[in-house]
Amino acid sequence: PGAVLIDLTTSSPELARDIAEAAQVSGRMAFDCPVTGGESGAIAGTLTAIVGATENDIAPVRDILSTFAATICCFDGAGKGQAAKLANQVSLGACMVGMADAMAFAELSGLDLEKTREMILGGTGKSGAMESLAPKALDGDYKPGFMVEHFIKDLRLALAYADDRELALPGADVAFTLYDMLDAIGGAKLGTQAITVLYKEEADAIAAGLDWSQYRPEEHGAHEDGCGCGEHGGDHECGCGHHHGEDHECCGGHGHDDGHECCCGHHHEE
């Protein structure tokens, strides 16, 4: 009794509330405290702690949090730390796709990629993904600071939470679909910057340890039991604003015929 449980897992807000309630019943305290900042932040002790509790609640253990977190953000209620962390992951998903799109577009246009990256960082298109992860991608360094499989888990949690509340998250849907594709071809243990490999030639994928022959479109692209946007049924309206009939165009702007070319440049044969 009197013990404090600090849960650093990224999980569902509902689970965090259940844990907090169970702890309270037994005379203990538990609060959700997912973190962001990646492996480098953990090593340096500069993570951001995202807390589902009040400043008063965490006062007895604040010094412990400060040993690994340079920033502590309190969201004043059980489960709200998890919700805030998932909001971060939703934003990151869109930023990762934006970074990968921009670098692919720049390469297609014959631009100097590093000079383009620096230009973007000087304007409103800048992001943490462009600043911290694009350099690794440009160097062909796909070692994980944060693994693809863990990011997929976080996006799945966010999309399920939003689906339950009838909120469409088209940016997160696209990110989930692309990372699910990356996972399917062998990229689960790579860093999230490996999303850029989806835009490259097959030889680059092979060099990164990926195998496009493993991809089965019919088995991927859905974060629950439905399509990539997480909705269900044969004629529902997805987050991209289209109904899923036979000729519906997905967020990438392509119709779903037998041999359409997806956004990463590969044809999906039967």
C-alpha atoms as a PDB file:
ATOM      1  CA  PRO A   1       0.000   0.000   0.000  1.00  0.00           C
ATOM      2  CA  GLY A   2       1.191   3.447  -0.941  1.00  0.00           C
ATOM      3  CA  ALA A   3       3.303   2.124  -3.793  1.00  0.00           C
ATOM      4  CA  VAL A   4       3.303   3.935  -7.137  1.00  0.00           C
ATOM      5  CA  LEU A   5       3.216   2.203 -10.514  1.00  0.00           C
ATOM      6  CA  ILE A   6       4.583   4.256 -13.420  1.00  0.00           C
ATOM      7  CA  ASP A   7       3.476   2.608 -16.670  1.00  0.00           C
ATOM      8  CA  LEU A   8       5.829   3.594 -19.500  1.00  0.00           C
ATOM      9  CA  THR A   9       4.101   1.396 -22.058  1.00  0.00           C
ATOM     10  CA  THR A  10       2.253   2.947 -24.982  1.00  0.00           C
ATOM     11  CA  SER A  11      -1.145   1.260 -24.816  1.00  0.00           C
ATOM     12  CA  SER A  12      -4.819   2.136 -24.977  1.00  0.00           C
ATOM     13  CA  PRO A  13      -6.318   4.924 -22.847  1.00  0.00           C
ATOM     14  CA  GLU A  14      -8.971   2.468 -21.660  1.00  0.00           C
ATOM     15  CA  LEU A  15      -6.353   0.069 -20.294  1.00  0.00           C
ATOM     16  CA  ALA A  16      -4.612   2.914 -18.470  1.00  0.00           C
ATOM     17  CA  ARG A  17      -7.881   3.878 -16.788  1.00  0.00           C
ATOM     18  CA  ASP A  18      -8.504   0.263 -15.766  1.00  0.00           C
ATOM     19  CA  ILE A  19      -5.026  -0.005 -14.223  1.00  0.00           C
ATOM     20  CA  ALA A  20      -5.425   3.283 -12.342  1.00  0.00           C
ATOM     21  CA  GLU A  21      -8.796   2.224 -10.941  1.00  0.00           C
ATOM     22  CA  ALA A  22      -7.495  -1.186  -9.862  1.00  0.00           C
ATOM     23  CA  ALA A  23      -4.538   0.433  -8.107  1.00  0.00           C
ATOM     24  CA  GLN A  24      -6.763   2.908  -6.294  1.00  0.00           C
ATOM     25  CA  VAL A  25      -8.991   0.130  -4.961  1.00  0.00           C
ATOM     26  CA  SER A  26      -5.957  -1.586  -3.415  1.00  0.00           C
ATOM     27  CA  GLY A  27      -4.544   1.557  -1.805  1.00  0.00           C
ATOM     28  CA  ARG A  28      -1.907   2.217  -4.437  1.00  0.00           C
ATOM     29  CA  MET A  29      -1.444   4.711  -7.247  1.00  0.00           C
ATOM     30  CA  ALA A  30      -0.830   3.994 -10.925  1.00  0.00           C
ATOM     31  CA  PHE A  31      -0.493   6.422 -13.791  1.00  0.00           C
ATOM     32  CA  ASP A  32       0.200   6.117 -17.489  1.00  0.00           C
ATOM     33  CA  CYS A  33       3.459   7.699 -18.580  1.00  0.00           C
ATOM     34  CA  PRO A  34       4.329   6.837 -22.182  1.00  0.00           C
ATOM     35  CA  VAL A  35       7.413   8.564 -23.529  1.00  0.00           C
ATOM     36  CA  THR A  36       8.632   9.973 -26.813  1.00  0.00           C
ATOM     37  CA  GLY A  37      12.132  10.790 -28.001  1.00  0.00           C
ATOM     38  CA  GLY A  38      13.422   7.466 -29.299  1.00  0.00           C
ATOM     39  CA  GLU A  39      16.469   5.463 -28.385  1.00  0.00           C
ATOM     40  CA  SER A  40      18.759   8.485 -28.534  1.00  0.00           C
ATOM     41  CA  GLY A  41      16.543  10.342 -26.067  1.00  0.00           C
ATOM     42  CA  ALA A  42      16.519   7.370 -23.714  1.00  0.00           C
ATOM     43  CA  ILE A  43      20.308   7.133 -23.787  1.00  0.00           C
ATOM     44  CA  ALA A  44      20.720  10.873 -23.225  1.00  0.00           C
ATOM     45  CA  GLY A  45      17.987  11.071 -20.591  1.00  0.00           C
ATOM     46  CA  THR A  46      16.111  13.673 -22.610  1.00  0.00           C
ATOM     47  CA  LEU A  47      12.815  11.911 -23.301  1.00  0.00           C
ATOM     48  CA  THR A  48       9.446  13.608 -23.025  1.00  0.00           C
ATOM     49  CA  ALA A  49       7.229  11.937 -20.408  1.00  0.00           C
ATOM     50  CA  ILE A  50       3.521  12.177 -21.227  1.00  0.00           C
ATOM     51  CA  VAL A  51       1.681  11.715 -17.957  1.00  0.00           C
ATOM     52  CA  GLY A  52      -1.932  10.779 -17.304  1.00  0.00           C
ATOM     53  CA  ALA A  53      -1.971  12.416 -13.856  1.00  0.00           C
ATOM     54  CA  THR A  54      -1.757  15.829 -12.195  1.00  0.00           C
ATOM     55  CA  GLU A  55       1.383  17.623 -11.077  1.00  0.00           C
ATOM     56  CA  ASN A  56       0.352  16.948  -7.472  1.00  0.00           C
ATOM     57  CA  ASP A  57      -0.100  13.228  -8.202  1.00  0.00           C
ATOM     58  CA  ILE A  58       3.416  12.828  -9.544  1.00  0.00           C
ATOM     59  CA  ALA A  59       5.158  15.036  -6.994  1.00  0.00           C
ATOM     60  CA  PRO A  60       6.478  12.091  -4.899  1.00  0.00           C
ATOM     61  CA  VAL A  61       8.108  10.480  -7.950  1.00  0.00           C
ATOM     62  CA  ARG A  62       8.976  13.506 -10.108  1.00  0.00           C
ATOM     63  CA  ASP A  63      12.684  13.099  -9.373  1.00  0.00           C
ATOM     64  CA  ILE A  64      12.519   9.561 -10.750  1.00  0.00           C
ATOM     65  CA  LEU A  65      10.879  10.765 -13.967  1.00  0.00           C
ATOM     66  CA  SER A  66      13.543  13.458 -14.288  1.00  0.00           C
ATOM     67  CA  THR A  67      16.286  10.835 -14.476  1.00  0.00           C
ATOM     68  CA  PHE A  68      15.189   9.924 -18.010  1.00  0.00           C
ATOM     69  CA  ALA A  69      12.883  12.757 -19.097  1.00  0.00           C
ATOM     70  CA  ALA A  70      13.912  16.342 -19.797  1.00  0.00           C
ATOM     71  CA  THR A  71      10.276  17.355 -20.307  1.00  0.00           C
ATOM     72  CA  ILE A  72       7.303  16.184 -18.247  1.00  0.00           C
ATOM     73  CA  CYS A  73       3.828  16.974 -19.601  1.00  0.00           C
ATOM     74  CA  CYS A  74       0.885  16.289 -17.280  1.00  0.00           C
ATOM     75  CA  PHE A  75      -2.580  15.737 -18.757  1.00  0.00           C
ATOM     76  CA  ASP A  76      -4.426  15.493 -15.440  1.00  0.00           C
ATOM     77  CA  GLY A  77      -6.309  12.206 -15.762  1.00  0.00           C
ATOM     78  CA  ALA A  78      -5.824   8.453 -16.126  1.00  0.00           C
ATOM     79  CA  GLY A  79      -5.590   7.474 -19.789  1.00  0.00           C
ATOM     80  CA  LYS A  80      -4.982  11.015 -20.996  1.00  0.00           C
ATOM     81  CA  GLY A  81      -1.234  10.434 -21.169  1.00  0.00           C
ATOM     82  CA  GLN A  82      -1.863   7.543 -23.543  1.00  0.00           C
ATOM     83  CA  ALA A  83      -4.284   9.629 -25.615  1.00  0.00           C
ATOM     84  CA  ALA A  84      -1.715  12.437 -25.851  1.00  0.00           C
ATOM     85  CA  LYS A  85       1.029   9.989 -26.875  1.00  0.00           C
ATOM     86  CA  LEU A  86      -1.219   8.567 -29.586  1.00  0.00           C
ATOM     87  CA  ALA A  87      -1.896  12.120 -30.813  1.00  0.00           C
ATOM     88  CA  ASN A  88       1.882  12.496 -31.132  1.00  0.00           C
ATOM     89  CA  GLN A  89       2.072   9.266 -33.147  1.00  0.00           C
ATOM     90  CA  VAL A  90      -0.754  10.370 -35.439  1.00  0.00           C
ATOM     91  CA  SER A  91       1.167  13.572 -36.168  1.00  0.00           C
ATOM     92  CA  LEU A  92       4.412  11.655 -36.633  1.00  0.00           C
ATOM     93  CA  GLY A  93       2.780   9.246 -39.077  1.00  0.00           C
ATOM     94  CA  ALA A  94       1.703  12.097 -41.349  1.00  0.00           C
ATOM     95  CA  CYS A  95       5.129  13.736 -40.999  1.00  0.00           C
ATOM     96  CA  MET A  96       6.917  10.502 -41.960  1.00  0.00           C
ATOM     97  CA  VAL A  97       4.789  10.139 -45.087  1.00  0.00           C
ATOM     98  CA  GLY A  98       5.367  13.820 -45.898  1.00  0.00           C
ATOM     99  CA  MET A  99       9.122  13.423 -45.507  1.00  0.00           C
ATOM    100  CA  ALA A 100       9.208  10.318 -47.697  1.00  0.00           C
ATOM    101  CA  ASP A 101       6.969  11.921 -50.336  1.00  0.00           C
ATOM    102  CA  ALA A 102       9.108  15.065 -50.427  1.00  0.00           C
ATOM    103  CA  MET A 103      12.391  13.195 -50.758  1.00  0.00           C
ATOM    104  CA  ALA A 104      10.996  10.972 -53.512  1.00  0.00           C
ATOM    105  CA  PHE A 105       9.656  14.028 -55.355  1.00  0.00           C
ATOM    106  CA  ALA A 106      12.988  15.829 -55.035  1.00  0.00           C
ATOM    107  CA  GLU A 107      14.883  12.808 -56.331  1.00  0.00           C
ATOM    108  CA  LEU A 108      12.496  12.451 -59.264  1.00  0.00           C
ATOM    109  CA  SER A 109      13.110  16.129 -60.074  1.00  0.00           C
ATOM    110  CA  GLY A 110      16.891  15.713 -60.070  1.00  0.00           C
ATOM    111  CA  LEU A 111      17.380  17.957 -57.041  1.00  0.00           C
ATOM    112  CA  ASP A 112      20.229  17.778 -54.549  1.00  0.00           C
ATOM    113  CA  LEU A 113      18.483  15.912 -51.743  1.00  0.00           C
ATOM    114  CA  GLU A 114      20.432  17.363 -48.818  1.00  0.00           C
ATOM    115  CA  LYS A 115      20.069  20.899 -50.153  1.00  0.00           C
ATOM    116  CA  THR A 116      16.328  20.280 -50.582  1.00  0.00           C
ATOM    117  CA  ARG A 117      16.082  18.990 -47.023  1.00  0.00           C
ATOM    118  CA  GLU A 118      17.838  22.074 -45.672  1.00  0.00           C
ATOM    119  CA  MET A 119      15.511  24.334 -47.673  1.00  0.00           C
ATOM    120  CA  ILE A 120      12.433  22.561 -46.275  1.00  0.00           C
ATOM    121  CA  LEU A 121      13.777  22.891 -42.722  1.00  0.00           C
ATOM    122  CA  GLY A 122      13.931  26.655 -43.241  1.00  0.00           C
ATOM    123  CA  GLY A 123      10.239  26.885 -44.080  1.00  0.00           C
ATOM    124  CA  THR A 124       6.818  25.741 -42.973  1.00  0.00           C
ATOM    125  CA  GLY A 125       7.350  22.227 -44.338  1.00  0.00           C
ATOM    126  CA  LYS A 126       9.836  21.382 -41.597  1.00  0.00           C
ATOM    127  CA  SER A 127       9.227  18.499 -39.204  1.00  0.00           C
ATOM    128  CA  GLY A 128      11.084  16.327 -36.747  1.00  0.00           C
ATOM    129  CA  ALA A 129      10.986  13.576 -39.350  1.00  0.00           C
ATOM    130  CA  MET A 130      12.689  15.801 -41.922  1.00  0.00           C
ATOM    131  CA  GLU A 131      15.224  17.058 -39.387  1.00  0.00           C
ATOM    132  CA  SER A 132      16.197  13.851 -37.581  1.00  0.00           C
ATOM    133  CA  LEU A 133      15.236  10.895 -39.765  1.00  0.00           C
ATOM    134  CA  ALA A 134      15.652  12.105 -43.349  1.00  0.00           C
ATOM    135  CA  PRO A 135      19.477  12.255 -42.983  1.00  0.00           C
ATOM    136  CA  LYS A 136      19.532   8.590 -41.948  1.00  0.00           C
ATOM    137  CA  ALA A 137      17.314   7.645 -44.860  1.00  0.00           C
ATOM    138  CA  LEU A 138      19.495   9.569 -47.309  1.00  0.00           C
ATOM    139  CA  ASP A 139      22.546   7.706 -45.964  1.00  0.00           C
ATOM    140  CA  GLY A 140      20.806   4.347 -46.320  1.00  0.00           C
ATOM    141  CA  ASP A 141      20.879   3.907 -42.545  1.00  0.00           C
ATOM    142  CA  TYR A 142      17.744   2.036 -41.517  1.00  0.00           C
ATOM    143  CA  LYS A 143      18.863   0.943 -38.057  1.00  0.00           C
ATOM    144  CA  PRO A 144      16.031   1.475 -35.605  1.00  0.00           C
ATOM    145  CA  GLY A 145      15.725   4.323 -33.194  1.00  0.00           C
ATOM    146  CA  PHE A 146      12.071   3.328 -33.143  1.00  0.00           C
ATOM    147  CA  MET A 147      11.052   0.076 -34.831  1.00  0.00           C
ATOM    148  CA  VAL A 148       8.467  -0.154 -37.583  1.00  0.00           C
ATOM    149  CA  GLU A 149       6.556  -2.885 -35.731  1.00  0.00           C
ATOM    150  CA  HIS A 150       6.204  -0.675 -32.658  1.00  0.00           C
ATOM    151  CA  PHE A 151       5.027   2.274 -34.732  1.00  0.00           C
ATOM    152  CA  ILE A 152       2.411   0.085 -36.409  1.00  0.00           C
ATOM    153  CA  LYS A 153       1.172  -0.941 -32.963  1.00  0.00           C
ATOM    154  CA  ASP A 154       0.819   2.699 -31.920  1.00  0.00           C
ATOM    155  CA  LEU A 155      -0.967   3.717 -35.119  1.00  0.00           C
ATOM    156  CA  ARG A 156      -3.306   0.742 -34.768  1.00  0.00           C
ATOM    157  CA  LEU A 157      -4.202   1.862 -31.231  1.00  0.00           C
ATOM    158  CA  ALA A 158      -4.850   5.432 -32.382  1.00  0.00           C
ATOM    159  CA  LEU A 159      -6.974   4.370 -35.340  1.00  0.00           C
ATOM    160  CA  ALA A 160      -9.031   1.942 -33.251  1.00  0.00           C
ATOM    161  CA  TYR A 161      -9.628   4.650 -30.624  1.00  0.00           C
ATOM    162  CA  ALA A 162     -10.707   7.110 -33.322  1.00  0.00           C
ATOM    163  CA  ASP A 163     -12.885   4.507 -35.085  1.00  0.00           C
ATOM    164  CA  ASP A 164     -14.785   3.830 -31.857  1.00  0.00           C
ATOM    165  CA  ARG A 165     -15.619   7.538 -31.736  1.00  0.00           C
ATOM    166  CA  GLU A 166     -16.400   7.813 -35.466  1.00  0.00           C
ATOM    167  CA  LEU A 167     -13.462  10.092 -36.211  1.00  0.00           C
ATOM    168  CA  ALA A 168     -11.666   9.664 -39.544  1.00  0.00           C
ATOM    169  CA  LEU A 169      -7.881  10.107 -39.521  1.00  0.00           C
ATOM    170  CA  PRO A 170      -6.910   9.910 -43.219  1.00  0.00           C
ATOM    171  CA  GLY A 171      -3.275  10.895 -42.631  1.00  0.00           C
ATOM    172  CA  ALA A 172      -2.821   8.172 -40.027  1.00  0.00           C
ATOM    173  CA  ASP A 173      -4.660   5.707 -42.288  1.00  0.00           C
ATOM    174  CA  VAL A 174      -2.184   6.290 -45.114  1.00  0.00           C
ATOM    175  CA  ALA A 175       0.775   6.011 -42.738  1.00  0.00           C
ATOM    176  CA  PHE A 176      -0.579   2.768 -41.293  1.00  0.00           C
ATOM    177  CA  THR A 177      -1.100   1.284 -44.750  1.00  0.00           C
ATOM    178  CA  LEU A 178       2.448   2.115 -45.859  1.00  0.00           C
ATOM    179  CA  TYR A 179       4.062   0.866 -42.649  1.00  0.00           C
ATOM    180  CA  ASP A 180       1.955  -2.287 -42.788  1.00  0.00           C
ATOM    181  CA  MET A 181       3.285  -2.796 -46.317  1.00  0.00           C
ATOM    182  CA  LEU A 182       6.842  -2.268 -45.061  1.00  0.00           C
ATOM    183  CA  ASP A 183       6.260  -4.800 -42.300  1.00  0.00           C
ATOM    184  CA  ALA A 184       4.872  -7.319 -44.787  1.00  0.00           C
ATOM    185  CA  ILE A 185       8.028  -7.293 -46.898  1.00  0.00           C
ATOM    186  CA  GLY A 186      10.364  -7.809 -43.960  1.00  0.00           C
ATOM    187  CA  GLY A 187      10.823  -4.345 -42.458  1.00  0.00           C
ATOM    188  CA  ALA A 188       9.354  -4.925 -38.984  1.00  0.00           C
ATOM    189  CA  LYS A 189      12.688  -4.502 -37.181  1.00  0.00           C
ATOM    190  CA  LEU A 190      13.908  -1.529 -39.223  1.00  0.00           C
ATOM    191  CA  GLY A 191      13.670   2.091 -38.109  1.00  0.00           C
ATOM    192  CA  THR A 192      10.683   4.171 -39.153  1.00  0.00           C
ATOM    193  CA  GLN A 193      12.854   6.060 -41.693  1.00  0.00           C
ATOM    194  CA  ALA A 194      12.788   2.873 -43.809  1.00  0.00           C
ATOM    195  CA  ILE A 195       9.434   4.044 -45.181  1.00  0.00           C
ATOM    196  CA  THR A 196      11.537   5.792 -47.838  1.00  0.00           C
ATOM    197  CA  VAL A 197      12.565   2.400 -49.264  1.00  0.00           C
ATOM    198  CA  LEU A 198       8.988   1.880 -50.479  1.00  0.00           C
ATOM    199  CA  TYR A 199       9.627   4.606 -53.081  1.00  0.00           C
ATOM    200  CA  LYS A 200      12.858   3.096 -54.394  1.00  0.00           C
ATOM    201  CA  GLU A 201      13.804   0.465 -56.928  1.00  0.00           C
ATOM    202  CA  GLU A 202      13.638  -3.210 -55.996  1.00  0.00           C
ATOM    203  CA  ALA A 203      17.440  -3.420 -55.804  1.00  0.00           C
ATOM    204  CA  ASP A 204      17.410  -0.837 -53.016  1.00  0.00           C
ATOM    205  CA  ALA A 205      14.777  -2.838 -51.170  1.00  0.00           C
ATOM    206  CA  ILE A 206      16.858  -5.989 -51.478  1.00  0.00           C
ATOM    207  CA  ALA A 207      19.917  -4.131 -50.174  1.00  0.00           C
ATOM    208  CA  ALA A 208      17.864  -3.092 -47.139  1.00  0.00           C
ATOM    209  CA  GLY A 209      16.890  -6.722 -46.509  1.00  0.00           C
ATOM    210  CA  LEU A 210      13.359  -6.410 -47.899  1.00  0.00           C
ATOM    211  CA  ASP A 211      11.556  -8.784 -50.249  1.00  0.00           C
ATOM    212  CA  TRP A 212       8.601  -7.549 -52.317  1.00  0.00           C
ATOM    213  CA  SER A 213       7.651 -11.132 -53.196  1.00  0.00           C
ATOM    214  CA  GLN A 214       6.380 -11.509 -49.610  1.00  0.00           C
ATOM    215  CA  TYR A 215       3.706  -8.844 -50.092  1.00  0.00           C
ATOM    216  CA  ARG A 216       0.121 -10.059 -50.330  1.00  0.00           C
ATOM    217  CA  PRO A 217      -2.207  -7.058 -50.841  1.00  0.00           C
ATOM    218  CA  GLU A 218      -5.251  -9.048 -49.786  1.00  0.00           C
ATOM    219  CA  GLU A 219      -3.694  -9.703 -46.374  1.00  0.00           C
ATOM    220  CA  HIS A 220      -2.582  -6.158 -45.583  1.00  0.00           C
ATOM    221  CA  GLY A 221      -3.741  -2.562 -45.412  1.00  0.00           C
ATOM    222  CA  ALA A 222      -6.400  -2.980 -42.699  1.00  0.00           C
ATOM    223  CA  HIS A 223      -5.792  -2.123 -39.075  1.00  0.00           C
ATOM    224  CA  GLU A 224      -8.756  -4.144 -37.852  1.00  0.00           C
ATOM    225  CA  ASP A 225     -11.276  -6.144 -39.861  1.00  0.00           C
ATOM    226  CA  GLY A 226     -11.894  -3.586 -42.572  1.00  0.00           C
ATOM    227  CA  CYS A 227     -10.051  -1.557 -45.169  1.00  0.00           C
ATOM    228  CA  GLY A 228      -6.990   0.561 -44.579  1.00  0.00           C
ATOM    229  CA  CYS A 229      -9.060   3.397 -43.161  1.00  0.00           C
ATOM    230  CA  GLY A 230     -10.456   1.134 -40.456  1.00  0.00           C
ATOM    231  CA  GLU A 231     -14.123   1.360 -41.387  1.00  0.00           C
ATOM    232  CA  HIS A 232     -16.181  -1.736 -42.065  1.00  0.00           C
ATOM    233  CA  GLY A 233     -18.721  -2.948 -44.562  1.00  0.00           C
ATOM    234  CA  GLY A 234     -18.903  -3.162 -48.321  1.00  0.00           C
ATOM    235  CA  ASP A 235     -20.059   0.359 -49.164  1.00  0.00           C
ATOM    236  CA  HIS A 236     -18.905   2.562 -46.299  1.00  0.00           C
ATOM    237  CA  GLU A 237     -17.353   5.975 -46.658  1.00  0.00           C
ATOM    238  CA  CYS A 238     -13.700   5.955 -45.650  1.00  0.00           C
ATOM    239  CA  GLY A 239     -11.516   8.724 -44.248  1.00  0.00           C
ATOM    240  CA  CYS A 240     -10.479   9.824 -47.725  1.00  0.00           C
ATOM    241  CA  GLY A 241     -14.074  10.762 -48.461  1.00  0.00           C
ATOM    242  CA  HIS A 242     -14.935   8.033 -50.970  1.00  0.00           C
ATOM    243  CA  HIS A 243     -17.343   5.139 -50.855  1.00  0.00           C
ATOM    244  CA  HIS A 244     -15.794   1.712 -51.292  1.00  0.00           C
ATOM    245  CA  GLY A 245     -17.547   0.448 -54.361  1.00  0.00           C
ATOM    246  CA  GLU A 246     -15.860  -1.388 -57.195  1.00  0.00           C
ATOM    247  CA  ASP A 247     -14.335   1.745 -58.704  1.00  0.00           C
ATOM    248  CA  HIS A 248     -13.513   3.726 -55.566  1.00  0.00           C
ATOM    249  CA  GLU A 249     -10.260   5.671 -55.649  1.00  0.00           C
ATOM    250  CA  CYS A 250      -8.100   5.373 -52.573  1.00  0.00           C
ATOM    251  CA  CYS A 251      -6.217   8.195 -50.838  1.00  0.00           C
ATOM    252  CA  GLY A 252      -3.354   7.756 -53.282  1.00  0.00           C
ATOM    253  CA  GLY A 253      -5.620   8.694 -56.173  1.00  0.00           C
ATOM    254  CA  HIS A 254      -5.586   5.304 -57.900  1.00  0.00           C
ATOM    255  CA  GLY A 255      -8.516   3.090 -58.771  1.00  0.00           C
ATOM    256  CA  HIS A 256      -8.473  -0.445 -57.423  1.00  0.00           C
ATOM    257  CA  ASP A 257      -8.162  -2.507 -60.562  1.00  0.00           C
ATOM    258  CA  ASP A 258      -6.136  -5.693 -60.934  1.00  0.00           C
ATOM    259  CA  GLY A 259      -2.877  -4.048 -61.889  1.00  0.00           C
ATOM    260  CA  HIS A 260      -2.970  -0.518 -60.507  1.00  0.00           C
ATOM    261  CA  GLU A 261       0.230   1.181 -59.523  1.00  0.00           C
ATOM    262  CA  CYS A 262       0.296   2.153 -55.864  1.00  0.00           C
ATOM    263  CA  CYS A 263       1.894   5.262 -54.376  1.00  0.00           C
ATOM    264  CA  CYS A 264       5.212   3.525 -53.815  1.00  0.00           C
ATOM    265  CA  GLY A 265       5.644   2.817 -57.521  1.00  0.00           C
ATOM    266  CA  HIS A 266       5.073  -0.946 -57.556  1.00  0.00           C
ATOM    267  CA  HIS A 267       2.302  -2.700 -59.480  1.00  0.00           C
ATOM    268  CA  HIS A 268      -0.115  -4.913 -57.554  1.00  0.00           C
ATOM    269  CA  GLU A 269      -0.756  -7.978 -59.638  1.00  0.00           C
ATOM    270  CA  GLU A 270      -3.334 -10.604 -58.733  1.00  0.00           C
END
